Structure formats: structure tokens, C-alpha cells
């Protein structure tokens, strides 16, 4: 039985999926960050090995033949970075699978493959961070965004979480009206009073993921009709729409393209989705937002792409 592996490596977690050529999922495994800019390259590769070990353990059977692997990893974009990962994996697989093909592709390609079963179209991501990609039918890849939480990440969980924190402080100071985000935060975090936010937030251990987690309080408040929360959600959706518009302007083909949205903010906030799509449709009425298959993860998409590339006879980068 031929097996294909897909890996979706992120700054927070790394998902891996193994499938049969029919598309049936045989194994899944989730580990920690494999972004070398967050955990260093050596630690990223060590975690990648841990993920693959966990994925392959249930498949330790002679009837299984591992054929190819496709990886989409945040923080790995240049040819040199991809080659470093490939060389590391060649060493990892050498004893057990010397002939396995190793493909490195963008997170856009594996995500589009998961939803649409093809590699072209546009992708908007809003999770802890944000990014937008456009891939033409000829395979050219365009990107706007992805500058990280200090320089960008408009329309992301981090920016929504940060604006939520600023909003409740302004409300506490009497600068703006009361907001139910205040009580939601006090109930959800180890705080006695909203003034405890200062000592909580400025702890050395607080990361951008911690800041992004406050977005859920904003989303819940927005669903309840809280005006301050709705303003944050709509403003951040508009900013991500601005980023996407800049992407669309790079290629006339994108004006009538399919646009797939993924990420926790899109998933959990109907208000964010609506504001984002409405804003773009006002500018580009021919855009399409297909549902596709929302059940498949990007890691599953990477496994499907590993199968497609191998079947098509595509060589890896090395």
C-alpha cells in the first residue's frame, strides 16, 4: 500500500497526515512549532522528526510503502531554506526510505489543495497571524502580508487580541464607554480586576500567542452585539481586505478568482467573515468564495499534493 505524507508546519503547532493513494487518512499526529525563526533551525528539525516519528509509528508495517512527503512550513520560503530542510529529511529517511521524494511547497498551495483540490487561486489566512497568497493558473506565486506581529499581521488574532486589551483599558479609564469584553476577560483569565492586566501582560513569558488568545473574548462580545468589539472585528476585517486588495492588484486574473479563507478567526467569527467578504465584493464583485471541502486540514492537503506530484512524475528540488 503506497502512503503519502503531508506536513503543515506552523509557529504554534505542526500537523502531519498520512494518506493512502485513495485519499483515505491512515494516521495523524500533531506536535509543536517547526518555524526556525521562533524555535531555531535545529529545534525545528528536532520537532519535525518527533512529529514524523509519531505519525509513522502506527504505520510500522511491511505492507506499507512510503512514497513521498510534501511539506508546507512557515518560516521556510527561500530555495536555500528548503534545501536545508530536504537535506535534513534525507538524512532522517536514509536508513528506512532512501528513495522517498521530498517536496517543499508553500502554505498556500497545501491549503488550496485541501479545500479546492488544486493549487491555483487566492488564500487569505487569519489565525494568530495573517497572510494572503495568490497563485496564478500558470503557477506564479504572489504574496502580500506575512510581516509578523510587530510589522504587520493586519486582521489577525494577534491584532484583534491587542486591540481588545487596549479597548478594555480605555473603557476602565473612562475614555470610552463600558464594554462586556472587560467582564469576559476577568472571567477567563487569572485576574481579580481588570487592573491586574498590567502585571499579567508584562510577564516575560507572555508571547504573541497569549495576546492572540484575547481575540476570543472580542469575538464572543461581538456576537452579543457589543459595540466596541464589533468595531474591532470590522476594522481588522477591513484591514485584511485592504491587504487582499493589494494582492489582487498584482494580477488581473485574481479579480475573478476563487478566494479561500482559512484560520481560527475566520472559523470562529461570522462577523469577521461577513465584513471581510462584503468589503472585497464592493471592490471586486466577480470574486468567488467557494466553500470547497472544509473538513480537510492543510496537512491533508499537503498529503494529497505529495500524491499528485509523485504521480505526475515531478522531481523534488534536489
Protein backbone atom coordinates (compact mmCIF):
# COMPACT_ATOMS: atom_id res chain seq x y z
CA UNK A 1 0.00 0.00 0.00
CA UNK A 2 1.53 3.32 -1.09
CA UNK A 3 1.48 6.05 1.55
CA UNK A 4 1.85 9.79 1.11
CA UNK A 5 2.72 12.18 3.92
CA UNK A 6 1.70 15.81 4.31
CA UNK A 7 3.10 18.26 6.87
CA UNK A 8 1.74 21.67 7.82
CA UNK A 9 4.45 23.30 9.92
CA UNK A 10 3.50 26.40 11.87
CA UNK A 11 4.76 28.76 14.52
CA UNK A 12 2.42 27.32 17.15
CA UNK A 13 1.95 23.70 16.10
CA UNK A 14 2.80 21.23 13.37
CA UNK A 15 0.23 18.85 11.89
CA UNK A 16 1.09 15.76 9.87
CA UNK A 17 -1.20 13.40 7.96
CA UNK A 18 -0.54 10.14 6.13
CA UNK A 19 -2.94 9.00 3.44
CA UNK A 20 -3.41 6.12 1.02
CA UNK A 21 -3.48 6.91 -2.69
CA UNK A 22 -7.29 6.78 -2.48
CA UNK A 23 -7.18 9.76 -0.11
CA UNK A 24 -8.09 7.72 2.96
CA UNK A 25 -6.43 9.05 6.13
CA UNK A 26 -4.25 6.39 7.76
CA UNK A 27 -2.55 8.38 10.52
CA UNK A 28 -2.42 11.87 12.06
CA UNK A 29 -0.04 13.49 14.52
CA UNK A 30 0.33 16.99 15.98
CA UNK A 31 3.47 18.43 17.55
CA UNK A 32 4.97 21.79 18.43
CA UNK A 33 6.44 24.64 16.42
CA UNK A 34 8.72 23.94 13.46
CA UNK A 35 9.23 27.57 12.48
CA UNK A 36 13.02 28.16 12.66
CA UNK A 37 12.53 31.88 13.34
CA UNK A 38 10.65 31.02 16.51
CA UNK A 39 12.50 27.97 17.86
CA UNK A 40 15.82 27.94 15.87
CA UNK A 41 16.50 25.66 12.93
CA UNK A 42 17.92 22.79 14.97
CA UNK A 43 14.98 22.75 17.36
CA UNK A 44 12.57 22.99 14.43
CA UNK A 45 14.14 19.96 12.76
CA UNK A 46 14.16 18.02 16.03
CA UNK A 47 10.43 18.69 16.45
CA UNK A 48 9.79 17.77 12.81
CA UNK A 49 11.45 14.42 13.44
CA UNK A 50 9.34 13.97 16.56
CA UNK A 51 6.18 14.63 14.53
CA UNK A 52 7.20 12.18 11.81
CA UNK A 53 8.09 9.54 14.40
CA UNK A 54 4.64 9.93 15.93
CA UNK A 55 2.95 9.81 12.54
CA UNK A 56 4.83 6.75 11.31
CA UNK A 57 4.67 4.63 14.48
CA UNK A 58 1.18 3.23 13.70
CA UNK A 59 2.31 2.53 10.12
CA UNK A 60 5.25 0.31 11.00
CA UNK A 61 4.10 -2.47 8.72
CA UNK A 62 5.87 -4.09 5.78
CA UNK A 63 2.71 -3.80 3.67
CA UNK A 64 3.06 -0.01 3.75
CA UNK A 65 5.34 1.72 1.23
CA UNK A 66 6.11 5.38 1.98
CA UNK A 67 6.44 7.07 -1.39
CA UNK A 68 6.64 10.84 -0.96
CA UNK A 69 6.24 13.67 1.51
CA UNK A 70 5.13 17.26 0.92
CA UNK A 71 5.79 19.96 3.48
CA UNK A 72 4.40 23.46 3.78
CA UNK A 73 6.29 25.18 6.61
CA UNK A 74 6.08 28.71 7.95
CA UNK A 75 9.48 30.39 8.07
CA UNK A 76 10.79 28.22 5.21
CA UNK A 77 10.47 30.07 1.91
CA UNK A 78 13.80 30.55 0.10
CA UNK A 79 15.38 27.84 -2.02
CA UNK A 80 18.31 27.62 0.41
CA UNK A 81 15.98 27.16 3.40
CA UNK A 82 14.01 24.48 1.59
CA UNK A 83 17.20 22.64 0.66
CA UNK A 84 18.36 22.67 4.28
CA UNK A 85 15.11 21.02 5.32
CA UNK A 86 15.31 18.50 2.48
CA UNK A 87 18.89 17.55 3.37
CA UNK A 88 17.88 17.05 6.99
CA UNK A 89 14.95 14.85 5.97
CA UNK A 90 17.09 12.85 3.55
CA UNK A 91 19.34 12.02 6.49
CA UNK A 92 16.30 11.15 8.64
CA UNK A 93 14.79 8.86 5.99
CA UNK A 94 18.06 7.42 4.65
CA UNK A 95 18.12 4.17 6.59
CA UNK A 96 14.45 3.29 6.19
CA UNK A 97 13.38 5.06 2.98
CA UNK A 98 16.34 6.01 0.79
CA UNK A 99 14.18 6.63 -2.29
CA UNK A 100 11.40 8.78 -0.78
CA UNK A 101 10.68 12.02 -2.66
CA UNK A 102 10.62 15.18 -0.58
CA UNK A 103 8.60 18.14 -1.84
CA UNK A 104 8.59 21.62 -0.28
CA UNK A 105 5.62 23.82 -1.14
CA UNK A 106 4.02 26.99 0.23
CA UNK A 107 1.31 27.01 2.88
CA UNK A 108 -0.94 28.50 0.20
CA UNK A 109 -0.51 25.51 -2.11
CA UNK A 110 -1.25 22.90 0.55
CA UNK A 111 -4.23 24.88 1.87
CA UNK A 112 -5.74 25.38 -1.59
CA UNK A 113 -5.19 21.69 -2.29
CA UNK A 114 -7.08 20.80 0.89
CA UNK A 115 -10.12 22.93 0.08
CA UNK A 116 -10.23 23.01 -3.73
CA UNK A 117 -8.02 20.05 -4.74
CA UNK A 118 -5.95 22.33 -6.95
CA UNK A 119 -3.00 24.68 -6.50
CA UNK A 120 -4.23 27.91 -8.06
CA UNK A 121 -6.48 30.59 -6.60
CA UNK A 122 -6.19 33.00 -3.69
CA UNK A 123 -5.83 32.31 0.00
CA UNK A 124 -6.41 34.59 2.99
CA UNK A 125 -5.18 33.40 6.39
CA UNK A 126 -6.31 34.83 9.71
CA UNK A 127 -5.14 32.89 12.73
CA UNK A 128 -2.57 34.03 15.29
CA UNK A 129 -1.02 35.89 12.36
CA UNK A 130 -2.29 36.78 8.90
CA UNK A 131 -1.16 36.45 5.31
CA UNK A 132 -2.53 36.46 1.77
CA UNK A 133 -1.40 34.48 -1.25
CA UNK A 134 -2.36 34.35 -4.89
CA UNK A 135 -1.30 31.58 -7.26
CA UNK A 136 -1.98 32.03 -10.96
CA UNK A 137 -3.10 29.21 -13.23
CA UNK A 138 0.43 29.18 -14.66
CA UNK A 139 1.86 28.66 -11.16
CA UNK A 140 3.26 32.11 -10.32
CA UNK A 141 3.01 32.79 -6.58
CA UNK A 142 2.24 36.26 -5.21
CA UNK A 143 2.05 37.29 -1.57
CA UNK A 144 1.08 40.40 0.39
CA UNK A 145 1.43 40.37 4.17
CA UNK A 146 3.19 37.91 6.42
CA UNK A 147 5.39 40.52 8.11
CA UNK A 148 4.77 39.25 11.62
CA UNK A 149 3.06 40.78 14.63
CA UNK A 150 5.42 43.74 15.02
CA UNK A 151 5.42 44.88 11.39
CA UNK A 152 2.05 43.67 10.14
CA UNK A 153 -0.40 40.80 10.70
CA UNK A 154 -3.37 43.05 9.98
CA UNK A 155 -6.66 41.25 10.56
CA UNK A 156 -5.05 38.57 12.71
CA UNK A 157 -5.86 37.09 16.09
CA UNK A 158 -2.86 38.93 17.50
CA UNK A 159 -4.08 42.33 16.30
CA UNK A 160 -7.64 41.64 17.44
CA UNK A 161 -6.35 40.48 20.83
CA UNK A 162 -4.11 43.55 21.18
CA UNK A 163 -6.93 45.94 20.26
CA UNK A 164 -9.19 44.13 22.72
CA UNK A 165 -6.70 44.73 25.55
CA UNK A 166 -6.33 48.39 24.63
CA UNK A 167 -10.10 48.77 24.40
CA UNK A 168 -10.83 47.44 27.89
CA UNK A 169 -8.12 49.66 29.37
CA UNK A 170 -9.61 52.73 27.67
CA UNK A 171 -13.02 51.68 28.97
CA UNK A 172 -11.62 51.30 32.50
CA UNK A 173 -10.07 54.78 32.29
CA UNK A 174 -13.40 56.28 31.21
CA UNK A 175 -12.11 57.29 27.79
CA UNK A 176 -14.65 55.04 26.06
CA UNK A 177 -17.98 53.54 27.21
CA UNK A 178 -18.18 50.24 29.15
CA UNK A 179 -17.73 47.01 27.19
CA UNK A 180 -18.61 43.45 28.11
CA UNK A 181 -15.14 42.44 26.95
CA UNK A 182 -13.97 43.57 30.40
CA UNK A 183 -16.02 41.02 32.32
CA UNK A 184 -15.25 38.29 29.77
CA UNK A 185 -11.51 38.83 30.26
CA UNK A 186 -11.72 38.86 34.07
CA UNK A 187 -13.76 35.64 33.99
CA UNK A 188 -11.43 33.90 31.54
CA UNK A 189 -8.01 34.81 32.92
CA UNK A 190 -6.34 34.70 36.38
CA UNK A 191 -7.36 38.27 37.21
CA UNK A 192 -9.20 39.69 40.21
CA UNK A 193 -9.79 43.02 38.47
CA UNK A 194 -9.11 44.41 35.01
CA UNK A 195 -6.25 46.48 36.50
CA UNK A 196 -4.39 43.17 37.04
CA UNK A 197 -3.90 43.05 33.26
CA UNK A 198 -0.75 45.15 33.54
CA UNK A 199 1.15 42.67 35.71
CA UNK A 200 -0.23 39.74 33.69
CA UNK A 201 0.59 41.07 30.21
CA UNK A 202 4.09 42.32 31.02
CA UNK A 203 5.34 38.95 32.27
CA UNK A 204 8.42 37.82 30.29
CA UNK A 205 6.68 34.54 29.43
CA UNK A 206 3.78 36.22 27.61
CA UNK A 207 4.02 35.58 23.86
CA UNK A 208 2.14 36.73 20.80
CA UNK A 209 0.03 33.58 21.11
CA UNK A 210 -1.08 34.71 24.57
CA UNK A 211 -2.05 38.12 23.18
CA UNK A 212 -3.92 36.49 20.29
CA UNK A 213 -5.92 34.37 22.74
CA UNK A 214 -7.77 37.51 23.90
CA UNK A 215 -9.40 37.63 20.45
CA UNK A 216 -11.92 35.03 21.58
CA UNK A 217 -13.30 37.49 24.17
CA UNK A 218 -13.71 40.07 21.42
CA UNK A 219 -15.43 37.55 19.13
CA UNK A 220 -17.82 36.47 21.90
CA UNK A 221 -18.62 40.08 22.76
CA UNK A 222 -19.18 40.96 19.11
CA UNK A 223 -21.63 38.09 18.75
CA UNK A 224 -23.50 39.55 21.73
CA UNK A 225 -23.69 42.93 19.97
CA UNK A 226 -21.03 44.80 21.96
CA UNK A 227 -20.22 47.97 20.01
CA UNK A 228 -16.55 48.17 20.97
CA UNK A 229 -15.98 44.53 20.00
CA UNK A 230 -17.85 44.95 16.71
CA UNK A 231 -15.67 47.95 15.83
CA UNK A 232 -12.51 45.93 16.40
CA UNK A 233 -13.72 42.95 14.38
CA UNK A 234 -14.92 45.10 11.48
CA UNK A 235 -11.82 47.29 11.44
CA UNK A 236 -9.47 44.31 11.38
CA UNK A 237 -11.55 42.60 8.68
CA UNK A 238 -11.29 45.80 6.63
CA UNK A 239 -7.52 45.90 7.09
CA UNK A 240 -7.17 42.32 5.88
CA UNK A 241 -9.41 43.21 2.94
CA UNK A 242 -7.02 46.09 2.15
CA UNK A 243 -4.12 43.63 2.19
CA UNK A 244 -6.03 41.27 -0.10
CA UNK A 245 -6.86 44.12 -2.48
CA UNK A 246 -3.15 44.88 -2.81
CA UNK A 247 -2.65 41.24 -3.76
CA UNK A 248 -5.45 41.33 -6.33
CA UNK A 249 -3.95 44.40 -7.97
CA UNK A 250 -0.82 42.40 -8.77
CA UNK A 251 -2.63 40.17 -11.29
CA UNK A 252 -5.76 40.94 -13.34
CA UNK A 253 -6.54 37.20 -13.19
CA UNK A 254 -7.17 37.49 -9.44
CA UNK A 255 -10.13 39.88 -9.91
CA UNK A 256 -12.32 36.93 -10.96
CA UNK A 257 -10.60 34.24 -8.94
CA UNK A 258 -11.69 31.89 -6.17
CA UNK A 259 -10.64 33.16 -2.75
CA UNK A 260 -10.38 30.66 0.09
CA UNK A 261 -10.26 31.86 3.69
CA UNK A 262 -8.78 29.77 6.50
CA UNK A 263 -7.67 30.24 10.10
CA UNK A 264 -9.23 30.42 13.55
CA UNK A 265 -10.55 33.99 13.24
CA UNK A 266 -12.42 33.22 10.01
CA UNK A 267 -13.65 29.96 11.52
CA UNK A 268 -14.98 31.36 14.80
CA UNK A 269 -16.18 34.85 13.84
CA UNK A 270 -19.11 35.08 11.40
CA UNK A 271 -18.95 38.88 11.76
CA UNK A 272 -15.32 38.92 10.64
CA UNK A 273 -16.07 36.70 7.64
CA UNK A 274 -19.02 38.83 6.59
CA UNK A 275 -17.18 42.13 6.95
CA UNK A 276 -14.17 40.81 5.05
CA UNK A 277 -16.13 39.30 2.16
CA UNK A 278 -18.52 42.27 1.89
CA UNK A 279 -15.62 44.71 1.74
CA UNK A 280 -13.90 42.80 -1.05
CA UNK A 281 -17.07 42.25 -3.06
CA UNK A 282 -17.68 46.00 -3.05
CA UNK A 283 -14.34 46.41 -4.80
CA UNK A 284 -14.24 43.21 -6.88
CA UNK A 285 -17.78 41.93 -7.50
CA UNK A 286 -16.55 38.99 -9.61
CA UNK A 287 -14.68 37.39 -6.72
CA UNK A 288 -15.89 33.97 -5.56
CA UNK A 289 -15.66 32.49 -2.06
CA UNK A 290 -16.12 28.73 -2.57
CA UNK A 291 -16.77 26.52 0.44
CA UNK A 292 -14.94 23.54 -1.06
CA UNK A 293 -14.02 20.85 1.44
CA UNK A 294 -13.62 22.47 4.85
CA UNK A 295 -13.13 19.13 6.60
CA UNK A 296 -9.65 18.57 5.20
CA UNK A 297 -6.75 20.18 7.05
CA UNK A 298 -3.78 21.81 5.28
CA UNK A 299 -1.71 18.77 6.32
CA UNK A 300 -4.23 16.57 4.48
CA UNK A 301 -3.90 18.92 1.51
CA UNK A 302 -0.12 18.52 1.66
CA UNK A 303 -0.52 14.73 1.60
CA UNK A 304 -2.83 15.00 -1.43
CA UNK A 305 -0.24 17.21 -3.10
CA UNK A 306 2.52 14.70 -2.29
CA UNK A 307 0.45 12.09 -4.10
CA UNK A 308 -0.28 14.35 -7.08
CA UNK A 309 3.32 15.50 -7.52
CA UNK A 310 4.65 11.95 -7.28
CA UNK A 311 2.02 10.58 -9.67
CA UNK A 312 2.76 13.39 -12.14
CA UNK A 313 6.46 12.48 -12.01
CA UNK A 314 7.56 15.82 -10.55
CA UNK A 315 11.12 15.80 -9.18
CA UNK A 316 11.91 17.36 -5.83
CA UNK A 317 14.21 20.40 -5.56
CA UNK A 318 17.46 18.47 -5.09
